[in-house]
Amino acid sequence: MTAQPSLSRRAAAELIGTAGLLVVVIGSGLKAAELSRDTGVALLANSFASAIGLGLIITIFGPLSGAHLNPVVTLTSWWSRRTGGEGLGGREALVYIAAQSAGAIGGALIAEVMFGRTPGTFATQVRDGGHLLIGEVVATAGLVLLIQGLGLTGRRRFIPPAVAAYIAAAIWFTSSGSFANPAGTIGRSFSDSFTGIAPESLPGFLGAQLVGGVLGLALAALLFGTGTGAGGGTGSRPRSRSRFGRSVKPATVDGASPAKAAYETVR
């Protein structure tokens, strides 16, 4: 058995991981805009870099905290615990969300400084309109459905590349550009760049993301059942049920926190 890391270490992993994600998203956006005036080319470069960075960050921090990097993912883990599965307790969830939010803001400021820009300047790009909010609902619901579905069917080892691939695609197929992350959305309001979002647009996007998270959970329950296999984050270990309900022995008994066994092949 592998003892779980302390909550402080897991929170540090969430903070650093989310900060790294925002550095990648905003930094690649700034670089792309610097090198090309073609918005399509810039978006292609930004989506490619963001997907690669996200996959690597999940792989690195998954064994520590589950690599949630996203309050919606954390809340789905908390809900799984509330409904009899494995996941985070209420206090752990609050600590995770606080760490993610602080990390996202810190990452945005680092990216701005790295490109010689004045940190702390709020974004001016207003993103409003019902069609964009629908895009955020779809983007977030799809993300939650993907994570839950892979967890409930015993295929957690595929989550890092699957989530990375999904985000790369969703940036293009959703009208909103697939923010799909409340902490990341808040962080991006601190960057006045083409990846940014004006503070006045935050309430609509955050609300749409929460609605999308609930919808994703509902779809996962409808399609795969509830089981106990999807309580962790994007990089957490396999749970006690897999293969559509067949019981397997958990690799560890570390609650919400994953161990290195997360990346071993599920037999």
Protein backbone atom coordinates (compact mmCIF):
# COMPACT_ATOMS: atom_id res chain seq x y z
CA MET A 1 0.00 0.00 0.00
CA THR A 2 1.14 3.51 -0.76
CA ALA A 3 0.32 6.24 1.72
CA GLN A 4 -1.38 9.27 0.24
CA PRO A 5 0.54 12.53 0.08
CA SER A 6 -0.47 15.11 2.68
CA LEU A 7 -3.19 17.59 1.79
CA SER A 8 -0.61 20.38 1.73
CA ARG A 9 1.47 18.52 -0.85
CA ARG A 10 -1.59 17.77 -2.95
CA ALA A 11 -2.67 21.42 -2.75
CA ALA A 12 0.82 22.49 -3.82
CA ALA A 13 0.58 20.13 -6.80
CA GLU A 14 -2.77 21.64 -7.77
CA LEU A 15 -1.45 25.18 -7.41
CA ILE A 16 1.74 24.56 -9.40
CA GLY A 17 -0.02 22.42 -12.00
CA THR A 18 -2.77 24.97 -12.62
CA ALA A 19 -0.22 27.78 -12.75
CA GLY A 20 1.75 25.78 -15.32
CA LEU A 21 -1.39 25.23 -17.37
CA LEU A 22 -2.12 28.97 -17.50
CA VAL A 23 1.49 29.74 -18.42
CA VAL A 24 1.14 27.32 -21.34
CA VAL A 25 -2.28 28.57 -22.48
CA ILE A 26 -1.57 32.30 -22.21
CA GLY A 27 2.11 32.11 -23.10
CA SER A 28 1.49 30.11 -26.28
CA GLY A 29 -1.30 32.54 -27.20
CA LEU A 30 0.99 35.53 -26.77
CA LYS A 31 3.75 33.86 -28.77
CA ALA A 32 1.37 32.84 -31.55
CA ALA A 33 -0.04 36.37 -31.82
CA GLU A 34 3.51 37.72 -31.86
CA LEU A 35 4.52 35.50 -34.78
CA SER A 36 1.37 35.60 -36.91
CA ARG A 37 -1.38 38.08 -37.66
CA ASP A 38 -3.56 35.26 -38.96
CA THR A 39 -6.03 34.45 -36.17
CA GLY A 40 -6.56 30.92 -37.46
CA VAL A 41 -2.85 30.14 -37.44
CA ALA A 42 -2.49 31.65 -33.97
CA LEU A 43 -5.39 29.58 -32.66
CA LEU A 44 -3.98 26.42 -34.21
CA ALA A 45 -0.63 27.00 -32.50
CA ASN A 46 -2.31 27.88 -29.20
CA SER A 47 -4.56 24.80 -29.21
CA PHE A 48 -1.66 22.49 -30.12
CA ALA A 49 0.61 23.84 -27.37
CA SER A 50 -2.21 23.88 -24.81
CA ALA A 51 -3.10 20.24 -25.48
CA ILE A 52 0.50 19.04 -25.21
CA GLY A 53 1.11 21.08 -22.06
CA LEU A 54 -2.09 19.84 -20.42
CA GLY A 55 -1.28 16.19 -21.13
CA LEU A 56 2.20 16.56 -19.68
CA ILE A 57 0.98 18.39 -16.58
CA ILE A 58 -1.65 15.72 -15.88
CA THR A 59 1.01 13.02 -16.27
CA ILE A 60 3.42 14.78 -13.91
CA PHE A 61 1.02 15.80 -11.15
CA GLY A 62 -1.53 12.97 -11.42
CA PRO A 63 0.29 10.68 -8.97
CA LEU A 64 0.31 13.47 -6.35
CA SER A 65 -3.09 15.13 -6.41
CA GLY A 66 -5.03 13.53 -9.22
CA ALA A 67 -4.19 16.57 -11.40
CA HIS A 68 -7.68 18.04 -11.25
CA LEU A 69 -6.44 21.53 -12.26
CA ASN A 70 -10.10 22.49 -12.54
CA PRO A 71 -12.77 23.21 -9.90
CA VAL A 72 -15.43 21.41 -11.95
CA VAL A 73 -13.34 18.22 -11.89
CA THR A 74 -12.81 18.68 -8.15
CA LEU A 75 -16.54 19.13 -7.55
CA THR A 76 -17.32 15.96 -9.50
CA SER A 77 -14.85 14.12 -7.26
CA TRP A 78 -16.55 15.58 -4.17
CA TRP A 79 -19.96 14.56 -5.53
CA SER A 80 -18.72 11.01 -6.12
CA ARG A 81 -17.70 10.80 -2.47
CA ARG A 82 -21.10 12.18 -1.41
CA THR A 83 -22.89 9.49 -3.42
CA GLY A 84 -20.93 6.57 -1.99
CA GLY A 85 -17.95 6.45 -4.31
CA GLU A 86 -14.35 7.48 -3.76
CA GLY A 87 -13.29 11.08 -4.03
CA LEU A 88 -12.52 14.21 -2.07
CA GLY A 89 -14.10 15.29 1.20
CA GLY A 90 -15.58 18.76 1.52
CA ARG A 91 -12.53 20.33 3.17
CA GLU A 92 -10.19 18.78 0.63
CA ALA A 93 -12.33 20.05 -2.23
CA LEU A 94 -12.28 23.60 -0.86
CA VAL A 95 -8.49 23.49 -0.48
CA TYR A 96 -8.10 22.16 -4.02
CA ILE A 97 -10.33 24.87 -5.50
CA ALA A 98 -8.51 27.62 -3.59
CA ALA A 99 -5.15 26.27 -4.78
CA GLN A 100 -6.35 26.01 -8.38
CA SER A 101 -7.71 29.57 -8.38
CA ALA A 102 -4.53 31.02 -6.88
CA GLY A 103 -2.41 29.00 -9.28
CA ALA A 104 -4.40 30.15 -12.29
CA ILE A 105 -3.99 33.83 -11.39
CA GLY A 106 -0.31 33.33 -10.62
CA GLY A 107 0.26 31.51 -13.91
CA ALA A 108 -1.42 34.31 -15.85
CA LEU A 109 0.79 36.91 -14.20
CA ILE A 110 3.92 34.85 -14.87
CA ALA A 111 3.02 34.55 -18.55
CA GLU A 112 2.49 38.30 -18.82
CA VAL A 113 5.84 39.07 -17.18
CA MET A 114 7.61 36.45 -19.30
CA PHE A 115 6.54 38.30 -22.47
CA GLY A 116 7.50 41.73 -21.16
CA ARG A 117 3.95 42.84 -20.47
CA THR A 118 2.62 44.67 -17.44
CA PRO A 119 1.16 42.09 -15.03
CA GLY A 120 -2.22 42.65 -13.45
CA THR A 121 -3.86 44.23 -16.49
CA PHE A 122 -7.38 42.88 -16.87
CA ALA A 123 -8.58 41.50 -20.19
CA THR A 124 -10.78 43.70 -22.34
CA GLN A 125 -12.10 40.98 -24.66
CA VAL A 126 -15.81 40.71 -23.87
CA ARG A 127 -17.26 37.28 -24.51
CA ASP A 128 -21.02 37.40 -24.23
CA GLY A 129 -24.06 36.00 -25.98
CA GLY A 130 -26.11 32.90 -25.38
CA HIS A 131 -24.35 30.95 -28.13
CA LEU A 132 -21.02 31.27 -26.29
CA LEU A 133 -22.57 30.10 -23.03
CA ILE A 134 -24.04 27.08 -24.81
CA GLY A 135 -20.54 26.39 -26.10
CA GLU A 136 -19.19 26.41 -22.55
CA VAL A 137 -21.93 24.07 -21.36
CA VAL A 138 -21.10 21.65 -24.18
CA ALA A 139 -17.33 21.92 -23.64
CA THR A 140 -17.52 21.31 -19.89
CA ALA A 141 -20.14 18.54 -20.13
CA GLY A 142 -17.98 16.73 -22.66
CA LEU A 143 -14.90 17.01 -20.47
CA VAL A 144 -16.69 15.64 -17.40
CA LEU A 145 -18.33 12.86 -19.43
CA LEU A 146 -14.93 11.85 -20.82
CA ILE A 147 -13.24 11.71 -17.41
CA GLN A 148 -16.15 9.96 -15.72
CA GLY A 149 -16.66 7.52 -18.57
CA LEU A 150 -13.03 6.43 -18.67
CA GLY A 151 -13.00 6.11 -14.87
CA LEU A 152 -16.20 4.07 -14.69
CA THR A 153 -15.02 1.69 -17.40
CA GLY A 154 -11.61 1.07 -15.84
CA ARG A 155 -9.53 2.93 -18.42
CA ARG A 156 -7.97 5.71 -16.36
CA ARG A 157 -4.60 5.21 -18.00
CA PHE A 158 -6.04 6.82 -21.11
CA ILE A 159 -7.19 9.99 -19.33
CA PRO A 160 -4.06 12.19 -19.81
CA PRO A 161 -3.90 11.81 -23.61
CA ALA A 162 -7.70 11.69 -23.94
CA VAL A 163 -8.24 14.93 -22.01
CA ALA A 164 -5.45 16.64 -23.95
CA ALA A 165 -6.94 15.52 -27.26
CA TYR A 166 -10.44 16.57 -26.20
CA ILE A 167 -9.35 20.08 -25.24
CA ALA A 168 -7.45 20.48 -28.52
CA ALA A 169 -10.60 19.52 -30.43
CA ALA A 170 -13.03 21.48 -28.24
CA ILE A 171 -11.08 24.70 -28.72
CA TRP A 172 -12.11 24.40 -32.35
CA PHE A 173 -15.58 22.82 -32.26
CA THR A 174 -17.15 24.99 -29.55
CA SER A 175 -18.26 28.56 -30.10
CA SER A 176 -16.67 29.68 -26.81
CA GLY A 177 -13.20 28.26 -27.48
CA SER A 178 -13.63 25.73 -24.63
CA PHE A 179 -12.48 27.45 -21.47
CA ALA A 180 -14.23 24.62 -19.53
CA ASN A 181 -12.41 25.47 -16.30
CA PRO A 182 -13.58 28.07 -13.74
CA ALA A 183 -10.11 28.61 -12.28
CA GLY A 184 -8.56 28.91 -15.72
CA THR A 185 -11.30 31.31 -16.79
CA ILE A 186 -10.61 33.57 -13.81
CA GLY A 187 -6.87 33.40 -14.50
CA ARG A 188 -7.37 34.35 -18.15
CA SER A 189 -9.18 37.52 -17.09
CA PHE A 190 -5.75 38.74 -15.93
CA SER A 191 -4.35 38.69 -19.47
CA ASP A 192 -5.38 41.29 -22.05
CA SER A 193 -4.63 39.01 -24.98
CA PHE A 194 -6.61 36.95 -27.47
CA THR A 195 -6.80 34.13 -24.89
CA GLY A 196 -8.25 36.51 -22.28
CA ILE A 197 -11.77 37.15 -21.09
CA ALA A 198 -13.05 40.44 -19.69
CA PRO A 199 -14.08 40.32 -16.00
CA GLU A 200 -17.67 41.26 -16.88
CA SER A 201 -17.95 38.06 -18.90
CA LEU A 202 -16.91 35.84 -15.99
CA PRO A 203 -20.32 35.26 -14.33
CA GLY A 204 -21.89 33.87 -17.50
CA PHE A 205 -18.94 31.60 -18.29
CA LEU A 206 -18.58 30.32 -14.72
CA GLY A 207 -22.30 29.58 -14.50
CA ALA A 208 -22.26 27.77 -17.85
CA GLN A 209 -19.30 25.66 -16.73
CA LEU A 210 -21.09 24.59 -13.56
CA VAL A 211 -24.19 23.69 -15.58
CA GLY A 212 -21.98 21.72 -17.96
CA GLY A 213 -20.40 19.85 -15.05
CA VAL A 214 -23.81 18.77 -13.74
CA LEU A 215 -24.89 17.75 -17.24
CA GLY A 216 -21.70 15.75 -17.73
CA LEU A 217 -22.28 13.88 -14.45
CA ALA A 218 -25.87 13.14 -15.42
CA LEU A 219 -24.84 11.82 -18.83
CA ALA A 220 -22.13 9.64 -17.31
CA ALA A 221 -24.61 8.17 -14.81
CA LEU A 222 -27.11 7.52 -17.60
CA LEU A 223 -24.60 5.86 -19.90
CA PHE A 224 -22.27 4.07 -17.51
CA GLY A 225 -24.09 3.82 -14.17
CA THR A 226 -22.80 5.30 -10.94
CA GLY A 227 -20.34 2.71 -9.58
CA THR A 228 -17.31 3.76 -7.51
CA GLY A 229 -14.74 4.09 -10.23
CA ALA A 230 -14.83 7.75 -11.18
CA GLY A 231 -14.23 9.69 -8.00
CA GLY A 232 -10.75 10.96 -8.73
CA GLY A 233 -9.39 13.58 -11.04
CA THR A 234 -7.84 13.51 -14.47
CA GLY A 235 -4.80 11.54 -13.35
CA SER A 236 -5.96 9.47 -10.41
CA ARG A 237 -5.63 5.76 -9.85
CA PRO A 238 -8.15 3.11 -10.91
CA ARG A 239 -10.96 2.67 -8.39
CA SER A 240 -12.63 -0.39 -7.01
CA ARG A 241 -14.85 -1.10 -10.01
CA SER A 242 -14.01 -1.26 -13.66
CA ARG A 243 -15.03 -2.83 -16.93
CA PHE A 244 -18.64 -1.77 -16.53
CA GLY A 245 -18.97 -3.01 -12.97
CA ARG A 246 -16.51 -5.91 -12.63
CA SER A 247 -14.82 -5.64 -9.24
CA VAL A 248 -11.07 -5.27 -9.14
CA LYS A 249 -8.73 -4.72 -6.25
CA PRO A 250 -7.70 -1.07 -5.88
CA ALA A 251 -4.01 -0.43 -6.32
CA THR A 252 -3.95 1.64 -3.11
CA VAL A 253 -6.26 2.86 -0.40
CA ASP A 254 -5.31 6.51 -0.60
CA GLY A 255 -8.75 8.11 -0.79
CA ALA A 256 -8.84 10.89 -3.33
CA SER A 257 -5.11 11.00 -3.85
CA PRO A 258 -3.60 8.79 -6.60
CA ALA A 259 -0.42 6.79 -6.41
CA LYS A 260 2.06 5.75 -9.04
CA ALA A 261 -0.13 2.74 -9.75
CA ALA A 262 -2.43 5.15 -11.59
CA TYR A 263 -0.40 4.65 -14.72
CA GLU A 264 -0.04 0.88 -14.55
CA THR A 265 -2.07 -1.16 -16.99
CA VAL A 266 -5.49 -2.08 -15.64
CA ARG A 267 -5.83 -5.83 -16.00
